[in-house]
PDB file of N, CA and C in Angstrom:
ATOM      1  N   MET A   1       0.940  -1.124   0.062  1.00  0.00           N
ATOM      2  CA  MET A   1       0.012  -0.110   0.080  1.00  0.00           C
ATOM      3  C   MET A   1       0.998   1.256   0.028  1.00  0.00           C
ATOM      4  N   ALA A   2       0.826   2.160  -0.923  1.00  0.00           N
ATOM      5  CA  ALA A   2       1.538   3.332  -1.242  1.00  0.00           C
ATOM      6  C   ALA A   2       0.922   4.419  -0.315  1.00  0.00           C
ATOM      7  N   VAL A   3       1.871   5.215   0.290  1.00  0.00           N
ATOM      8  CA  VAL A   3       1.641   6.281   1.051  1.00  0.00           C
ATOM      9  C   VAL A   3       1.432   7.579   0.223  1.00  0.00           C
ATOM     10  N   GLN A   4       0.483   8.326   0.413  1.00  0.00           N
ATOM     11  CA  GLN A   4       0.435   9.476  -0.343  1.00  0.00           C
ATOM     12  C   GLN A   4       0.509  10.767   0.209  1.00  0.00           C
ATOM     13  N   SER A   5       1.432  11.588  -0.181  1.00  0.00           N
ATOM     14  CA  SER A   5       1.449  12.950   0.760  1.00  0.00           C
ATOM     15  C   SER A   5       0.561  13.806   0.267  1.00  0.00           C
ATOM     16  N   ILE A   6      -0.100  14.591   1.206  1.00  0.00           N
ATOM     17  CA  ILE A   6      -1.096  15.747   1.110  1.00  0.00           C
ATOM     18  C   ILE A   6      -0.207  17.086   1.457  1.00  0.00           C
ATOM     19  N   LEU A   7      -0.236  17.903   0.465  1.00  0.00           N
ATOM     20  CA  LEU A   7       0.423  18.828   0.604  1.00  0.00           C
ATOM     21  C   LEU A   7      -0.393  20.073   0.941  1.00  0.00           C
ATOM     22  N   ALA A   8      -1.137  20.188   1.824  1.00  0.00           N
ATOM     23  CA  ALA A   8      -2.124  21.079   2.448  1.00  0.00           C
ATOM     24  C   ALA A   8      -2.365  20.641   3.915  1.00  0.00           C
ATOM     25  N   GLU A   9      -2.808  21.760   4.680  1.00  0.00           N
ATOM     26  CA  GLU A   9      -3.319  21.291   6.041  1.00  0.00           C
ATOM     27  C   GLU A   9      -4.804  21.071   6.064  1.00  0.00           C
ATOM     28  N   LYS A  10      -5.560  21.655   4.959  1.00  0.00           N
ATOM     29  CA  LYS A  10      -6.957  21.331   4.936  1.00  0.00           C
ATOM     30  C   LYS A  10      -7.116  20.478   3.837  1.00  0.00           C
ATOM     31  N   THR A  11      -8.247  19.585   4.018  1.00  0.00           N
ATOM     32  CA  THR A  11      -8.930  18.811   2.933  1.00  0.00           C
ATOM     33  C   THR A  11     -10.367  18.846   2.811  1.00  0.00           C
ATOM     34  N   VAL A  12     -10.676  18.505   1.722  1.00  0.00           N
ATOM     35  CA  VAL A  12     -12.258  18.500   1.628  1.00  0.00           C
ATOM     36  C   VAL A  12     -12.614  17.453   0.478  1.00  0.00           C
ATOM     37  N   SER A  13     -13.814  16.458   0.644  1.00  0.00           N
ATOM     38  CA  SER A  13     -13.871  15.553  -0.344  1.00  0.00           C
ATOM     39  C   SER A  13     -14.730  16.241  -1.504  1.00  0.00           C
ATOM     40  N   VAL A  14     -14.690  15.412  -2.562  1.00  0.00           N
ATOM     41  CA  VAL A  14     -15.179  15.798  -3.990  1.00  0.00           C
ATOM     42  C   VAL A  14     -16.714  16.026  -3.710  1.00  0.00           C
ATOM     43  N   THR A  15     -17.262  15.244  -2.884  1.00  0.00           N
ATOM     44  CA  THR A  15     -18.646  15.332  -2.569  1.00  0.00           C
ATOM     45  C   THR A  15     -19.135  16.688  -1.663  1.00  0.00           C
ATOM     46  N   GLU A  16     -18.377  16.899  -0.817  1.00  0.00           N
ATOM     47  CA  GLU A  16     -18.430  18.241   0.084  1.00  0.00           C
ATOM     48  C   GLU A  16     -18.261  19.518  -1.018  1.00  0.00           C
ATOM     49  N   LEU A  17     -17.116  19.289  -1.815  1.00  0.00           N
ATOM     50  CA  LEU A  17     -16.778  20.310  -2.598  1.00  0.00           C
ATOM     51  C   LEU A  17     -17.840  21.011  -3.596  1.00  0.00           C
ATOM     52  N   ARG A  18     -18.715  19.767  -4.079  1.00  0.00           N
ATOM     53  CA  ARG A  18     -19.810  20.072  -4.979  1.00  0.00           C
ATOM     54  C   ARG A  18     -20.888  20.898  -4.260  1.00  0.00           C
ATOM     55  N   LYS A  19     -21.209  20.965  -2.959  1.00  0.00           N
ATOM     56  CA  LYS A  19     -22.069  21.544  -2.279  1.00  0.00           C
ATOM     57  C   LYS A  19     -21.970  22.951  -2.110  1.00  0.00           C
ATOM     58  N   LYS A  20     -20.667  23.484  -1.927  1.00  0.00           N
ATOM     59  CA  LYS A  20     -20.274  24.814  -1.745  1.00  0.00           C
ATOM     60  C   LYS A  20     -18.863  25.080  -2.237  1.00  0.00           C
ATOM     61  N   PRO A  21     -18.648  25.019  -3.554  1.00  0.00           N
ATOM     62  CA  PRO A  21     -17.119  25.284  -3.994  1.00  0.00           C
ATOM     63  C   PRO A  21     -16.707  26.395  -3.675  1.00  0.00           C
ATOM     64  N   CYS A  22     -17.287  27.432  -3.565  1.00  0.00           N
ATOM     65  CA  CYS A  22     -16.529  28.825  -3.140  1.00  0.00           C
ATOM     66  C   CYS A  22     -16.080  28.768  -1.900  1.00  0.00           C
ATOM     67  N   ASP A  23     -16.585  28.040  -0.878  1.00  0.00           N
ATOM     68  CA  ASP A  23     -16.000  28.033   0.619  1.00  0.00           C
ATOM     69  C   ASP A  23     -14.591  27.448   0.490  1.00  0.00           C
ATOM     70  N   TYR A  24     -14.097  27.059  -0.345  1.00  0.00           N
ATOM     71  CA  TYR A  24     -12.661  26.309  -0.498  1.00  0.00           C
ATOM     72  C   TYR A  24     -11.645  27.102  -1.399  1.00  0.00           C
ATOM     73  N   PHE A  25     -12.089  28.186  -1.911  1.00  0.00           N
ATOM     74  CA  PHE A  25     -10.977  29.072  -2.486  1.00  0.00           C
ATOM     75  C   PHE A  25     -10.422  29.855  -1.518  1.00  0.00           C
ATOM     76  N   MET A  26      -9.464  29.505  -0.821  1.00  0.00           N
ATOM     77  CA  MET A  26      -8.585  30.033   0.198  1.00  0.00           C
ATOM     78  C   MET A  26      -7.248  30.537  -0.142  1.00  0.00           C
ATOM     79  N   ASP A  27      -6.756  31.347   0.900  1.00  0.00           N
ATOM     80  CA  ASP A  27      -5.153  31.831   0.623  1.00  0.00           C
ATOM     81  C   ASP A  27      -4.195  30.757   1.012  1.00  0.00           C
ATOM     82  N   GLU A  28      -4.914  29.483   1.023  1.00  0.00           N
ATOM     83  CA  GLU A  28      -3.814  28.352   1.462  1.00  0.00           C
ATOM     84  C   GLU A  28      -4.414  27.443   0.556  1.00  0.00           C
ATOM     85  N   PRO A  29      -3.521  26.390   0.289  1.00  0.00           N
ATOM     86  CA  PRO A  29      -4.093  25.277  -0.604  1.00  0.00           C
ATOM     87  C   PRO A  29      -5.006  24.303   0.131  1.00  0.00           C
ATOM     88  N   VAL A  30      -5.950  23.812  -0.446  1.00  0.00           N
ATOM     89  CA  VAL A  30      -7.102  22.797   0.221  1.00  0.00           C
ATOM     90  C   VAL A  30      -6.848  21.692  -0.875  1.00  0.00           C
ATOM     91  N   ALA A  31      -6.770  20.440  -0.198  1.00  0.00           N
ATOM     92  CA  ALA A  31      -6.503  19.169  -0.887  1.00  0.00           C
ATOM     93  C   ALA A  31      -7.810  18.757  -1.250  1.00  0.00           C
ATOM     94  N   VAL A  32      -8.105  18.468  -2.487  1.00  0.00           N
ATOM     95  CA  VAL A  32      -9.450  17.832  -2.772  1.00  0.00           C
ATOM     96  C   VAL A  32      -9.202  16.314  -2.813  1.00  0.00           C
ATOM     97  N   LEU A  33     -10.104  15.419  -2.169  1.00  0.00           N
ATOM     98  CA  LEU A  33      -9.985  14.002  -2.274  1.00  0.00           C
ATOM     99  C   LEU A  33     -10.880  13.336  -2.707  1.00  0.00           C
ATOM    100  N   SER A  34     -10.675  12.281  -3.616  1.00  0.00           N
ATOM    101  CA  SER A  34     -11.482  11.529  -3.928  1.00  0.00           C
ATOM    102  C   SER A  34     -11.075  10.009  -3.650  1.00  0.00           C
ATOM    103  N   ASN A  35     -11.917   9.447  -2.994  1.00  0.00           N
ATOM    104  CA  ASN A  35     -11.599   7.938  -2.557  1.00  0.00           C
ATOM    105  C   ASN A  35     -10.453   7.997  -1.587  1.00  0.00           C
ATOM    106  N   ASN A  36     -10.307   9.083  -0.809  1.00  0.00           N
ATOM    107  CA  ASN A  36      -9.225   9.183   0.162  1.00  0.00           C
ATOM    108  C   ASN A  36      -7.737   9.449  -0.602  1.00  0.00           C
ATOM    109  N   LYS A  37      -7.748   9.773  -1.847  1.00  0.00           N
ATOM    110  CA  LYS A  37      -6.565  10.253  -2.471  1.00  0.00           C
ATOM    111  C   LYS A  37      -6.665  11.543  -3.066  1.00  0.00           C
ATOM    112  N   THR A  38      -5.560  12.234  -2.981  1.00  0.00           N
ATOM    113  CA  THR A  38      -5.674  13.593  -3.462  1.00  0.00           C
ATOM    114  C   THR A  38      -6.033  13.605  -5.153  1.00  0.00           C
ATOM    115  N   ALA A  39      -6.924  14.228  -5.268  1.00  0.00           N
ATOM    116  CA  ALA A  39      -7.481  14.540  -6.850  1.00  0.00           C
ATOM    117  C   ALA A  39      -6.883  15.822  -7.363  1.00  0.00           C
ATOM    118  N   GLY A  40      -6.549  16.797  -6.483  1.00  0.00           N
ATOM    119  CA  GLY A  40      -6.276  18.077  -6.777  1.00  0.00           C
ATOM    120  C   GLY A  40      -6.066  19.003  -5.633  1.00  0.00           C
ATOM    121  N   TYR A  41      -5.786  20.297  -5.942  1.00  0.00           N
ATOM    122  CA  TYR A  41      -5.740  21.311  -4.787  1.00  0.00           C
ATOM    123  C   TYR A  41      -6.593  22.554  -5.242  1.00  0.00           C
ATOM    124  N   MET A  42      -6.926  23.217  -4.440  1.00  0.00           N
ATOM    125  CA  MET A  42      -7.756  24.424  -4.731  1.00  0.00           C
ATOM    126  C   MET A  42      -7.148  25.722  -3.911  1.00  0.00           C
ATOM    127  N   ILE A  43      -7.127  26.626  -4.760  1.00  0.00           N
ATOM    128  CA  ILE A  43      -6.501  27.937  -3.989  1.00  0.00           C
ATOM    129  C   ILE A  43      -7.156  29.085  -4.452  1.00  0.00           C
ATOM    130  N   SER A  44      -7.013  30.227  -3.977  1.00  0.00           N
ATOM    131  CA  SER A  44      -7.670  31.407  -4.337  1.00  0.00           C
ATOM    132  C   SER A  44      -7.148  31.943  -5.594  1.00  0.00           C
ATOM    133  N   ALA A  45      -7.726  32.722  -6.330  1.00  0.00           N
ATOM    134  CA  ALA A  45      -7.238  33.355  -7.652  1.00  0.00           C
ATOM    135  C   ALA A  45      -6.043  34.356  -7.286  1.00  0.00           C
ATOM    136  N   GLU A  46      -6.049  34.830  -6.053  1.00  0.00           N
ATOM    137  CA  GLU A  46      -5.080  35.898  -5.642  1.00  0.00           C
ATOM    138  C   GLU A  46      -3.593  35.114  -5.422  1.00  0.00           C
ATOM    139  N   LEU A  47      -3.744  33.817  -4.817  1.00  0.00           N
ATOM    140  CA  LEU A  47      -2.674  33.046  -4.614  1.00  0.00           C
ATOM    141  C   LEU A  47      -2.124  32.392  -5.749  1.00  0.00           C
ATOM    142  N   TYR A  48      -3.035  31.948  -6.784  1.00  0.00           N
ATOM    143  CA  TYR A  48      -2.696  31.536  -8.107  1.00  0.00           C
ATOM    144  C   TYR A  48      -1.745  32.498  -8.819  1.00  0.00           C
ATOM    145  N   GLU A  49      -2.144  33.840  -8.833  1.00  0.00           N
ATOM    146  CA  GLU A  49      -1.532  34.830  -9.473  1.00  0.00           C
ATOM    147  C   GLU A  49      -0.160  34.957  -8.958  1.00  0.00           C
ATOM    148  N   GLN A  50       0.017  35.097  -7.663  1.00  0.00           N
ATOM    149  CA  GLN A  50       1.086  35.204  -6.787  1.00  0.00           C
ATOM    150  C   GLN A  50       2.210  34.127  -7.341  1.00  0.00           C
ATOM    151  N   MET A  51       1.824  32.818  -7.270  1.00  0.00           N
ATOM    152  CA  MET A  51       2.449  31.774  -7.541  1.00  0.00           C
ATOM    153  C   MET A  51       2.872  31.601  -9.079  1.00  0.00           C
ATOM    154  N   ILE A  52       2.205  32.047 -10.122  1.00  0.00           N
ATOM    155  CA  ILE A  52       2.486  32.350 -11.591  1.00  0.00           C
ATOM    156  C   ILE A  52       3.512  33.505 -11.499  1.00  0.00           C
ATOM    157  N   ARG A  53       3.261  34.512 -10.937  1.00  0.00           N
ATOM    158  CA  ARG A  53       4.368  35.421 -11.045  1.00  0.00           C
ATOM    159  C   ARG A  53       5.854  34.918 -10.397  1.00  0.00           C
ATOM    160  N   LEU A  54       5.845  34.334  -9.167  1.00  0.00           N
ATOM    161  CA  LEU A  54       7.014  33.659  -8.569  1.00  0.00           C
ATOM    162  C   LEU A  54       7.709  32.887  -9.696  1.00  0.00           C
ATOM    163  N   ILE A  55       6.963  31.761 -10.275  1.00  0.00           N
ATOM    164  CA  ILE A  55       7.598  31.085 -11.323  1.00  0.00           C
ATOM    165  C   ILE A  55       8.029  31.781 -12.579  1.00  0.00           C
ATOM    166  N   GLU A  56       7.446  32.745 -12.822  1.00  0.00           N
ATOM    167  CA  GLU A  56       8.047  33.762 -14.013  1.00  0.00           C
ATOM    168  C   GLU A  56       9.159  34.375 -13.620  1.00  0.00           C
ATOM    169  N   SER A  57       9.299  34.935 -12.472  1.00  0.00           N
ATOM    170  CA  SER A  57      10.468  35.529 -12.107  1.00  0.00           C
ATOM    171  C   SER A  57      11.535  34.789 -11.779  1.00  0.00           C
ATOM    172  N   GLN A  58      11.390  33.401 -11.632  1.00  0.00           N
ATOM    173  CA  GLN A  58      12.462  32.555 -11.076  1.00  0.00           C
ATOM    174  C   GLN A  58      12.942  31.729 -12.693  1.00  0.00           C
ATOM    175  N   SER A  59      12.268  31.857 -13.633  1.00  0.00           N
ATOM    176  CA  SER A  59      12.387  31.344 -14.977  1.00  0.00           C
ATOM    177  C   SER A  59      13.257  32.058 -15.605  1.00  0.00           C
ATOM    178  N   SER A  60      14.383  31.706 -16.167  1.00  0.00           N
ATOM    179  CA  SER A  60      15.445  32.460 -17.009  1.00  0.00           C
ATOM    180  C   SER A  60      14.894  32.713 -18.354  1.00  0.00           C
ATOM    181  N   ASP A  61      14.062  31.727 -18.873  1.00  0.00           N
ATOM    182  CA  ASP A  61      13.445  31.681 -20.201  1.00  0.00           C
ATOM    183  C   ASP A  61      12.111  32.566 -20.070  1.00  0.00           C
ATOM    184  N   SER A  62      11.550  32.600 -18.921  1.00  0.00           N
ATOM    185  CA  SER A  62      10.286  33.227 -18.955  1.00  0.00           C
ATOM    186  C   SER A  62       9.263  32.889 -19.775  1.00  0.00           C
ATOM    187  N   GLY A  63       9.376  31.541 -19.831  1.00  0.00           N
ATOM    188  CA  GLY A  63       8.398  30.938 -21.084  1.00  0.00           C
ATOM    189  C   GLY A  63       7.322  30.108 -20.447  1.00  0.00           C
ATOM    190  N   PHE A  64       6.934  30.401 -19.143  1.00  0.00           N
ATOM    191  CA  PHE A  64       5.785  29.717 -18.570  1.00  0.00           C
ATOM    192  C   PHE A  64       4.543  29.961 -19.159  1.00  0.00           C
ATOM    193  N   ARG A  65       4.394  30.952 -19.834  1.00  0.00           N
ATOM    194  CA  ARG A  65       3.254  31.415 -20.378  1.00  0.00           C
ATOM    195  C   ARG A  65       3.594  31.962 -21.777  1.00  0.00           C
ATOM    196  N   PRO A  66       3.362  31.116 -23.024  1.00  0.00           N
ATOM    197  CA  PRO A  66       3.947  31.700 -24.164  1.00  0.00           C
ATOM    198  C   PRO A  66       3.155  33.154 -24.591  1.00  0.00           C
ATOM    199  N   SER A  67       4.030  34.031 -25.138  1.00  0.00           N
ATOM    200  CA  SER A  67       3.346  35.110 -25.719  1.00  0.00           C
ATOM    201  C   SER A  67       2.759  35.040 -26.950  1.00  0.00           C
ATOM    202  N   SER A  68       1.915  35.903 -27.585  1.00  0.00           N
ATOM    203  CA  SER A  68       1.312  35.639 -28.647  1.00  0.00           C
ATOM    204  C   SER A  68       2.419  35.393 -30.017  1.00  0.00           C
ATOM    205  N   ALA A  69       3.460  36.126 -29.814  1.00  0.00           N
ATOM    206  CA  ALA A  69       4.434  35.684 -30.820  1.00  0.00           C
ATOM    207  C   ALA A  69       5.132  34.267 -30.708  1.00  0.00           C
ATOM    208  N   ARG A  70       5.285  33.726 -29.423  1.00  0.00           N
ATOM    209  CA  ARG A  70       5.663  32.428 -29.527  1.00  0.00           C
ATOM    210  C   ARG A  70       4.678  31.401 -29.929  1.00  0.00           C
ATOM    211  N   LEU A  71       3.416  31.832 -29.636  1.00  0.00           N
ATOM    212  CA  LEU A  71       2.278  30.847 -30.139  1.00  0.00           C
ATOM    213  C   LEU A  71       2.240  30.892 -31.693  1.00  0.00           C
ATOM    214  N   ALA A  72       2.271  32.159 -32.331  1.00  0.00           N
ATOM    215  CA  ALA A  72       2.360  32.132 -33.820  1.00  0.00           C
ATOM    216  C   ALA A  72       3.576  31.253 -34.374  1.00  0.00           C
ATOM    217  N   LYS A  73       4.746  31.309 -33.726  1.00  0.00           N
ATOM    218  CA  LYS A  73       5.667  30.600 -34.129  1.00  0.00           C
ATOM    219  C   LYS A  73       5.409  29.128 -34.173  1.00  0.00           C
ATOM    220  N   ILE A  74       4.852  28.826 -33.048  1.00  0.00           N
ATOM    221  CA  ILE A  74       4.668  27.275 -32.639  1.00  0.00           C
ATOM    222  C   ILE A  74       3.551  26.797 -33.803  1.00  0.00           C
ATOM    223  N   SER A  75       2.537  27.620 -34.100  1.00  0.00           N
ATOM    224  CA  SER A  75       1.539  27.318 -35.113  1.00  0.00           C
ATOM    225  C   SER A  75       2.258  27.250 -36.446  1.00  0.00           C
ATOM    226  N   GLN A  76       3.238  28.068 -36.683  1.00  0.00           N
ATOM    227  CA  GLN A  76       3.741  28.162 -38.066  1.00  0.00           C
ATOM    228  C   GLN A  76       4.629  26.849 -38.259  1.00  0.00           C
ATOM    229  N   LEU A  77       5.395  26.445 -37.253  1.00  0.00           N
ATOM    230  CA  LEU A  77       6.274  25.289 -37.265  1.00  0.00           C
ATOM    231  C   LEU A  77       5.488  24.090 -37.420  1.00  0.00           C
ATOM    232  N   GLY A  78       4.143  23.869 -36.707  1.00  0.00           N
ATOM    233  CA  GLY A  78       3.295  22.928 -36.785  1.00  0.00           C
ATOM    234  C   GLY A  78       2.779  22.850 -38.205  1.00  0.00           C
ATOM    235  N   SER A  79       2.393  23.823 -38.949  1.00  0.00           N
ATOM    236  CA  SER A  79       1.749  23.868 -40.209  1.00  0.00           C
ATOM    237  C   SER A  79       2.998  23.519 -41.263  1.00  0.00           C
ATOM    238  N   GLU A  80       4.079  23.830 -41.060  1.00  0.00           N
ATOM    239  CA  GLU A  80       5.390  23.418 -41.815  1.00  0.00           C
ATOM    240  C   GLU A  80       5.545  21.904 -41.940  1.00  0.00           C
ATOM    241  N   LEU A  81       5.400  21.460 -40.610  1.00  0.00           N
ATOM    242  CA  LEU A  81       5.757  19.947 -40.357  1.00  0.00           C
ATOM    243  C   LEU A  81       4.584  19.070 -41.034  1.00  0.00           C
ATOM    244  N   LEU A  82       3.129  19.684 -40.912  1.00  0.00           N
ATOM    245  CA  LEU A  82       2.103  19.065 -41.528  1.00  0.00           C
ATOM    246  C   LEU A  82       2.176  18.901 -43.194  1.00  0.00           C
ATOM    247  N   LEU A  83       2.567  20.165 -43.635  1.00  0.00           N
ATOM    248  CA  LEU A  83       2.645  20.240 -45.021  1.00  0.00           C
ATOM    249  C   LEU A  83       3.892  19.414 -45.585  1.00  0.00           C
ATOM    250  N   LYS A  84       4.851  19.208 -45.144  1.00  0.00           N
ATOM    251  CA  LYS A  84       6.086  18.433 -45.301  1.00  0.00           C
ATOM    252  C   LYS A  84       5.827  16.919 -44.826  1.00  0.00           C
ATOM    253  N   ALA A  85       4.821  16.532 -44.185  1.00  0.00           N
ATOM    254  CA  ALA A  85       4.679  14.893 -43.873  1.00  0.00           C
ATOM    255  C   ALA A  85       4.096  14.129 -44.947  1.00  0.00           C
ATOM    256  N   SER A  86       4.636  12.972 -45.004  1.00  0.00           N
ATOM    257  CA  SER A  86       4.147  12.025 -45.975  1.00  0.00           C
ATOM    258  C   SER A  86       2.981  11.487 -45.486  1.00  0.00           C
ATOM    259  N   SER A  87       2.277  10.781 -46.535  1.00  0.00           N
ATOM    260  CA  SER A  87       0.961  10.028 -46.283  1.00  0.00           C
ATOM    261  C   SER A  87       1.035   9.061 -45.231  1.00  0.00           C
ATOM    262  N   ASP A  88       2.337   8.390 -45.138  1.00  0.00           N
ATOM    263  CA  ASP A  88       2.541   7.383 -44.154  1.00  0.00           C
ATOM    264  C   ASP A  88       2.652   7.901 -42.698  1.00  0.00           C
ATOM    265  N   GLU A  89       3.340   9.154 -42.629  1.00  0.00           N
ATOM    266  CA  GLU A  89       3.503   9.836 -41.421  1.00  0.00           C
ATOM    267  C   GLU A  89       2.087  10.347 -40.993  1.00  0.00           C
ATOM    268  N   LEU A  90       1.327  10.660 -41.792  1.00  0.00           N
ATOM    269  CA  LEU A  90       0.056  11.079 -41.280  1.00  0.00           C
ATOM    270  C   LEU A  90      -0.937  10.123 -40.882  1.00  0.00           C
ATOM    271  N   GLY A  91      -0.844   8.992 -41.374  1.00  0.00           N
ATOM    272  CA  GLY A  91      -1.788   7.958 -41.191  1.00  0.00           C
ATOM    273  C   GLY A  91      -3.193   8.190 -41.385  1.00  0.00           C
ATOM    274  N   ASP A  92      -4.028   7.985 -40.412  1.00  0.00           N
ATOM    275  CA  ASP A  92      -5.383   8.197 -40.874  1.00  0.00           C
ATOM    276  C   ASP A  92      -5.762   9.650 -40.697  1.00  0.00           C
ATOM    277  N   PHE A  93      -5.070  10.682 -40.372  1.00  0.00           N
ATOM    278  CA  PHE A  93      -5.246  12.135 -40.077  1.00  0.00           C
ATOM    279  C   PHE A  93      -6.068  12.541 -41.296  1.00  0.00           C
ATOM    280  N   GLN A  94      -7.216  13.157 -40.891  1.00  0.00           N
ATOM    281  CA  GLN A  94      -8.066  13.971 -41.790  1.00  0.00           C
ATOM    282  C   GLN A  94      -8.274  15.455 -41.441  1.00  0.00           C
ATOM    283  N   GLU A  95      -8.523  16.327 -42.319  1.00  0.00           N
ATOM    284  CA  GLU A  95      -8.878  17.665 -41.900  1.00  0.00           C
ATOM    285  C   GLU A  95     -10.053  17.876 -41.661  1.00  0.00           C
TER     286      GLU A  95
END
């Protein structure tokens, strides 16, 4: 039997969460349990935004959230790869 860590001081079951979800958006994580296993964590919008800013400030690439220019480049590269792909590589792909 594997032991699972719960990285929050407060927990709530999925069943209880469904009754009043807004009660669990807090400035500290709340572990959401399903069958006594952590299914996820809930936090307030403010705490989430602070976490994103911290991650971005610690990242040398600052690529946590792609800019519109980066998304355009990814899309362009994807289009080029699709156009160059052979029928065998595409398999059953259809537009």
